[in-house]
Amino acid sequence: MRVIKDSRQPRTFDKPEDCSYRFGKDLFMKYVSVRVVDSSGRPKKNVRVIISTNQFLAAGGFPPVYTNSDGLARFDLNIDDSAKIEISVGYKQVVGLSKPKSEYFITI
């Protein structure tokens, strides 16, 4: 075990990888849910949902996710705070570039 001295109090780490910045991997994780329903409010199953991003020095997309029987598609996005996303359902863009929210409700 290694002891890291700090001006406030000593911290201990059991493994060398614990010395890296804690939560560094999840620092920029955003969790986004997209619920897709038809005009009568029933969930749409097996609908293709794509999220594309535009962020500082990077842009791109994530693999498509298909909605489950509840009409829900979930994304775990590793993006920074300056990122904006756009959402396409089927092959049609339904949400333009905007700051990501945790949940979207889309009627098709």
N, C-alpha and C. Protein backbone atom coordinates (compact mmCIF):
# COMPACT_ATOMS: atom_id res chain seq x y z
N MET A 1 0.84 -1.16 0.00
CA MET A 1 0.00 0.00 0.00
C MET A 1 0.89 1.24 0.00
N ARG A 2 0.49 2.25 -0.79
CA ARG A 2 1.23 3.50 -0.85
C ARG A 2 0.46 4.58 -0.13
N VAL A 3 1.14 5.50 0.47
CA VAL A 3 0.50 6.62 1.15
C VAL A 3 0.87 7.89 0.41
N ILE A 4 -0.14 8.65 0.03
CA ILE A 4 0.07 9.92 -0.65
C ILE A 4 -0.12 11.02 0.39
N LYS A 5 0.90 11.85 0.57
CA LYS A 5 0.81 12.91 1.59
C LYS A 5 0.10 14.11 1.00
N ASP A 6 -0.76 14.65 1.78
CA ASP A 6 -1.55 15.80 1.40
C ASP A 6 -1.44 16.80 2.53
N SER A 7 -1.59 18.07 2.23
CA SER A 7 -1.48 19.07 3.28
C SER A 7 -2.61 18.93 4.30
N ARG A 8 -3.74 18.36 3.89
CA ARG A 8 -4.87 18.22 4.80
C ARG A 8 -4.79 16.93 5.61
N GLN A 9 -4.66 15.81 4.93
CA GLN A 9 -4.55 14.53 5.62
C GLN A 9 -4.02 13.49 4.64
N PRO A 10 -3.39 12.44 5.15
CA PRO A 10 -2.87 11.42 4.24
C PRO A 10 -3.99 10.61 3.60
N ARG A 11 -3.77 10.22 2.35
CA ARG A 11 -4.72 9.37 1.64
C ARG A 11 -4.01 8.08 1.30
N THR A 12 -4.70 6.99 1.34
CA THR A 12 -4.09 5.71 1.02
C THR A 12 -4.75 5.13 -0.22
N PHE A 13 -3.95 4.42 -0.99
CA PHE A 13 -4.43 3.78 -2.20
C PHE A 13 -3.93 2.34 -2.20
N ASP A 14 -4.79 1.41 -2.49
CA ASP A 14 -4.42 0.00 -2.48
C ASP A 14 -3.69 -0.44 -3.74
N LYS A 15 -4.03 0.15 -4.88
CA LYS A 15 -3.44 -0.25 -6.15
C LYS A 15 -2.88 0.98 -6.86
N PRO A 16 -1.86 0.81 -7.70
CA PRO A 16 -1.30 1.97 -8.40
C PRO A 16 -2.32 2.71 -9.24
N GLU A 17 -3.27 1.98 -9.86
CA GLU A 17 -4.26 2.67 -10.71
C GLU A 17 -5.20 3.55 -9.90
N ASP A 18 -5.27 3.33 -8.58
CA ASP A 18 -6.10 4.18 -7.73
C ASP A 18 -5.51 5.58 -7.61
N CYS A 19 -4.22 5.73 -7.94
CA CYS A 19 -3.58 7.03 -7.82
C CYS A 19 -3.98 7.96 -8.96
N SER A 20 -4.52 7.41 -10.05
CA SER A 20 -4.97 8.26 -11.14
C SER A 20 -6.18 9.06 -10.67
N TYR A 21 -6.51 10.06 -11.42
CA TYR A 21 -7.62 10.92 -11.04
C TYR A 21 -8.89 10.08 -10.89
N ARG A 22 -9.44 10.10 -9.73
CA ARG A 22 -10.65 9.31 -9.50
C ARG A 22 -11.79 9.85 -10.35
N PHE A 23 -12.56 8.96 -10.89
CA PHE A 23 -13.70 9.26 -11.74
C PHE A 23 -13.28 9.89 -13.07
N GLY A 24 -12.00 9.89 -13.38
CA GLY A 24 -11.54 10.50 -14.62
C GLY A 24 -12.21 9.91 -15.84
N LYS A 25 -12.43 8.61 -15.84
CA LYS A 25 -13.07 7.95 -16.97
C LYS A 25 -14.51 8.42 -17.14
N ASP A 26 -15.21 8.63 -16.03
CA ASP A 26 -16.62 9.02 -16.09
C ASP A 26 -16.83 10.52 -15.95
N LEU A 27 -15.75 11.29 -15.99
CA LEU A 27 -15.86 12.72 -15.76
C LEU A 27 -16.80 13.38 -16.75
N PHE A 28 -16.77 12.96 -18.01
CA PHE A 28 -17.58 13.59 -19.04
C PHE A 28 -18.74 12.72 -19.50
N MET A 29 -19.10 11.71 -18.75
CA MET A 29 -20.20 10.84 -19.16
C MET A 29 -21.53 11.57 -19.05
N LYS A 30 -22.33 11.45 -20.08
CA LYS A 30 -23.69 11.97 -20.09
C LYS A 30 -24.60 10.79 -20.41
N TYR A 31 -25.66 10.65 -19.68
CA TYR A 31 -26.61 9.57 -19.88
C TYR A 31 -27.87 10.17 -20.47
N VAL A 32 -28.22 9.73 -21.66
CA VAL A 32 -29.35 10.29 -22.40
C VAL A 32 -30.33 9.18 -22.72
N SER A 33 -31.60 9.42 -22.44
CA SER A 33 -32.67 8.49 -22.80
C SER A 33 -33.56 9.16 -23.83
N VAL A 34 -33.92 8.40 -24.85
CA VAL A 34 -34.83 8.90 -25.89
C VAL A 34 -36.03 7.96 -25.92
N ARG A 35 -37.21 8.50 -25.64
CA ARG A 35 -38.45 7.71 -25.68
C ARG A 35 -39.20 8.10 -26.95
N VAL A 36 -39.54 7.09 -27.74
CA VAL A 36 -40.23 7.32 -29.01
C VAL A 36 -41.62 6.71 -28.93
N VAL A 37 -42.63 7.53 -29.23
CA VAL A 37 -44.03 7.07 -29.22
C VAL A 37 -44.70 7.48 -30.52
N ASP A 38 -45.82 6.82 -30.83
CA ASP A 38 -46.58 7.23 -32.01
C ASP A 38 -47.55 8.34 -31.61
N SER A 39 -48.35 8.80 -32.57
CA SER A 39 -49.23 9.95 -32.31
C SER A 39 -50.30 9.66 -31.26
N SER A 40 -50.61 8.39 -31.01
CA SER A 40 -51.60 8.06 -29.98
C SER A 40 -50.95 7.81 -28.62
N GLY A 41 -49.61 7.94 -28.54
CA GLY A 41 -48.91 7.79 -27.27
C GLY A 41 -48.39 6.39 -26.98
N ARG A 42 -48.58 5.46 -27.91
CA ARG A 42 -48.06 4.10 -27.71
C ARG A 42 -46.58 4.05 -28.05
N PRO A 43 -45.78 3.31 -27.26
CA PRO A 43 -44.34 3.22 -27.53
C PRO A 43 -44.06 2.53 -28.86
N LYS A 44 -43.05 3.02 -29.55
CA LYS A 44 -42.62 2.43 -30.83
C LYS A 44 -41.41 1.55 -30.58
N LYS A 45 -41.52 0.28 -30.98
CA LYS A 45 -40.46 -0.70 -30.79
C LYS A 45 -39.58 -0.79 -32.03
N ASN A 46 -38.29 -1.06 -31.83
CA ASN A 46 -37.31 -1.27 -32.91
C ASN A 46 -37.18 -0.07 -33.85
N VAL A 47 -37.20 1.12 -33.29
CA VAL A 47 -36.98 2.34 -34.07
C VAL A 47 -35.51 2.73 -33.90
N ARG A 48 -34.88 3.05 -35.00
CA ARG A 48 -33.45 3.40 -35.00
C ARG A 48 -33.26 4.84 -34.50
N VAL A 49 -32.41 5.00 -33.47
CA VAL A 49 -32.12 6.32 -32.90
C VAL A 49 -30.61 6.54 -32.98
N ILE A 50 -30.22 7.70 -33.50
CA ILE A 50 -28.80 8.04 -33.63
C ILE A 50 -28.56 9.39 -32.97
N ILE A 51 -27.45 9.48 -32.23
CA ILE A 51 -27.03 10.76 -31.65
C ILE A 51 -25.70 11.14 -32.28
N SER A 52 -25.63 12.36 -32.78
CA SER A 52 -24.38 12.92 -33.32
C SER A 52 -23.96 14.06 -32.41
N THR A 53 -22.65 14.27 -32.31
CA THR A 53 -22.15 15.32 -31.42
C THR A 53 -21.32 16.33 -32.16
N ASN A 54 -21.25 17.49 -31.58
CA ASN A 54 -20.38 18.56 -32.04
C ASN A 54 -19.80 19.18 -30.78
N GLN A 55 -18.50 18.99 -30.56
CA GLN A 55 -17.86 19.51 -29.37
C GLN A 55 -16.51 20.12 -29.73
N PHE A 56 -15.89 20.77 -28.78
CA PHE A 56 -14.62 21.44 -29.00
C PHE A 56 -13.59 20.45 -29.54
N LEU A 57 -13.06 20.71 -30.71
CA LEU A 57 -12.04 19.91 -31.38
C LEU A 57 -12.48 18.49 -31.74
N ALA A 58 -13.76 18.21 -31.73
CA ALA A 58 -14.21 16.87 -32.11
C ALA A 58 -15.66 16.92 -32.57
N ALA A 59 -15.98 16.02 -33.45
CA ALA A 59 -17.36 15.85 -33.90
C ALA A 59 -17.50 14.41 -34.36
N GLY A 60 -18.71 13.91 -34.31
CA GLY A 60 -18.92 12.55 -34.76
C GLY A 60 -20.24 12.00 -34.28
N GLY A 61 -20.40 10.71 -34.47
CA GLY A 61 -21.64 10.07 -34.09
C GLY A 61 -21.39 8.84 -33.26
N PHE A 62 -22.45 8.33 -32.74
CA PHE A 62 -22.40 7.11 -31.94
C PHE A 62 -23.18 6.04 -32.68
N PRO A 63 -22.89 4.78 -32.44
CA PRO A 63 -23.62 3.71 -33.13
C PRO A 63 -25.12 3.82 -32.85
N PRO A 64 -25.93 3.43 -33.83
CA PRO A 64 -27.38 3.51 -33.62
C PRO A 64 -27.84 2.58 -32.50
N VAL A 65 -28.87 3.01 -31.81
CA VAL A 65 -29.51 2.20 -30.77
C VAL A 65 -30.97 2.06 -31.17
N TYR A 66 -31.51 0.86 -31.03
CA TYR A 66 -32.91 0.63 -31.38
C TYR A 66 -33.75 0.62 -30.11
N THR A 67 -34.93 1.19 -30.20
CA THR A 67 -35.80 1.28 -29.03
C THR A 67 -36.25 -0.10 -28.59
N ASN A 68 -36.47 -0.25 -27.29
CA ASN A 68 -36.97 -1.51 -26.74
C ASN A 68 -38.51 -1.52 -26.80
N SER A 69 -39.14 -2.48 -26.15
CA SER A 69 -40.61 -2.58 -26.20
C SER A 69 -41.31 -1.41 -25.52
N ASP A 70 -40.58 -0.68 -24.68
CA ASP A 70 -41.15 0.52 -24.04
C ASP A 70 -40.89 1.78 -24.86
N GLY A 71 -40.30 1.64 -26.03
CA GLY A 71 -40.00 2.79 -26.88
C GLY A 71 -38.80 3.58 -26.40
N LEU A 72 -37.94 2.96 -25.61
CA LEU A 72 -36.83 3.66 -24.98
C LEU A 72 -35.48 3.24 -25.57
N ALA A 73 -34.66 4.22 -25.90
CA ALA A 73 -33.27 4.00 -26.34
C ALA A 73 -32.38 4.76 -25.38
N ARG A 74 -31.37 4.08 -24.84
CA ARG A 74 -30.47 4.71 -23.86
C ARG A 74 -29.07 4.83 -24.43
N PHE A 75 -28.45 5.96 -24.16
CA PHE A 75 -27.09 6.24 -24.62
C PHE A 75 -26.22 6.64 -23.43
N ASP A 76 -24.98 6.14 -23.42
CA ASP A 76 -23.95 6.57 -22.47
C ASP A 76 -22.91 7.31 -23.32
N LEU A 77 -22.92 8.63 -23.24
CA LEU A 77 -22.08 9.45 -24.10
C LEU A 77 -20.88 9.97 -23.34
N ASN A 78 -19.71 9.82 -23.89
CA ASN A 78 -18.50 10.35 -23.28
C ASN A 78 -18.17 11.65 -24.00
N ILE A 79 -18.79 12.74 -23.54
CA ILE A 79 -18.62 14.05 -24.19
C ILE A 79 -18.33 15.10 -23.12
N ASP A 80 -17.74 16.20 -23.55
CA ASP A 80 -17.42 17.25 -22.59
C ASP A 80 -18.59 18.21 -22.41
N ASP A 81 -18.41 19.18 -21.51
CA ASP A 81 -19.50 20.10 -21.18
C ASP A 81 -19.84 21.07 -22.30
N SER A 82 -18.93 21.27 -23.23
CA SER A 82 -19.21 22.20 -24.34
C SER A 82 -19.96 21.51 -25.48
N ALA A 83 -20.16 20.21 -25.39
CA ALA A 83 -20.73 19.44 -26.49
C ALA A 83 -22.20 19.78 -26.72
N LYS A 84 -22.57 19.70 -27.98
CA LYS A 84 -23.97 19.79 -28.39
C LYS A 84 -24.29 18.53 -29.15
N ILE A 85 -25.54 18.09 -29.05
CA ILE A 85 -25.93 16.86 -29.74
C ILE A 85 -27.11 17.12 -30.66
N GLU A 86 -27.27 16.25 -31.63
CA GLU A 86 -28.48 16.22 -32.45
C GLU A 86 -28.96 14.79 -32.50
N ILE A 87 -30.27 14.62 -32.56
CA ILE A 87 -30.87 13.29 -32.51
C ILE A 87 -31.65 13.04 -33.78
N SER A 88 -31.43 11.86 -34.35
CA SER A 88 -32.18 11.42 -35.51
C SER A 88 -32.95 10.16 -35.13
N VAL A 89 -34.21 10.12 -35.52
CA VAL A 89 -35.06 8.95 -35.30
C VAL A 89 -35.46 8.43 -36.66
N GLY A 90 -35.27 7.13 -36.86
CA GLY A 90 -35.40 6.59 -38.21
C GLY A 90 -34.25 7.18 -39.00
N TYR A 91 -34.54 7.88 -40.06
CA TYR A 91 -33.49 8.58 -40.82
C TYR A 91 -33.78 10.07 -40.87
N LYS A 92 -34.58 10.55 -39.92
CA LYS A 92 -34.99 11.95 -39.92
C LYS A 92 -34.48 12.64 -38.66
N GLN A 93 -33.84 13.79 -38.85
CA GLN A 93 -33.37 14.56 -37.70
C GLN A 93 -34.56 15.18 -36.99
N VAL A 94 -34.65 14.93 -35.67
CA VAL A 94 -35.79 15.45 -34.91
C VAL A 94 -35.39 16.48 -33.85
N VAL A 95 -34.12 16.47 -33.45
CA VAL A 95 -33.61 17.46 -32.49
C VAL A 95 -32.33 18.03 -33.08
N GLY A 96 -32.32 19.36 -33.29
CA GLY A 96 -31.13 20.01 -33.84
C GLY A 96 -30.06 20.16 -32.77
N LEU A 97 -28.92 20.72 -33.16
CA LEU A 97 -27.80 20.89 -32.23
C LEU A 97 -28.24 21.67 -31.00
N SER A 98 -28.08 21.05 -29.85
CA SER A 98 -28.43 21.69 -28.59
C SER A 98 -27.69 21.00 -27.46
N LYS A 99 -27.66 21.65 -26.30
CA LYS A 99 -27.06 21.04 -25.12
C LYS A 99 -27.82 19.76 -24.78
N PRO A 100 -27.12 18.71 -24.39
CA PRO A 100 -27.82 17.45 -24.07
C PRO A 100 -28.65 17.54 -22.81
N LYS A 101 -29.84 16.96 -22.88
CA LYS A 101 -30.70 16.80 -21.71
C LYS A 101 -30.67 15.32 -21.33
N SER A 102 -31.14 15.00 -20.17
CA SER A 102 -31.10 13.61 -19.75
C SER A 102 -32.19 12.77 -20.40
N GLU A 103 -33.30 13.41 -20.80
CA GLU A 103 -34.38 12.65 -21.40
C GLU A 103 -35.07 13.43 -22.51
N TYR A 104 -35.41 12.72 -23.58
CA TYR A 104 -36.14 13.30 -24.71
C TYR A 104 -37.38 12.46 -24.94
N PHE A 105 -38.47 13.13 -25.28
CA PHE A 105 -39.74 12.47 -25.57
C PHE A 105 -40.09 12.87 -27.00
N ILE A 106 -40.10 11.91 -27.91
CA ILE A 106 -40.29 12.21 -29.33
C ILE A 106 -41.50 11.46 -29.86
N THR A 107 -42.37 12.20 -30.52
CA THR A 107 -43.56 11.63 -31.16
C THR A 107 -43.31 11.55 -32.66
N ILE A 108 -43.55 10.36 -33.23
CA ILE A 108 -43.38 10.22 -34.69
C ILE A 108 -44.69 9.75 -35.30
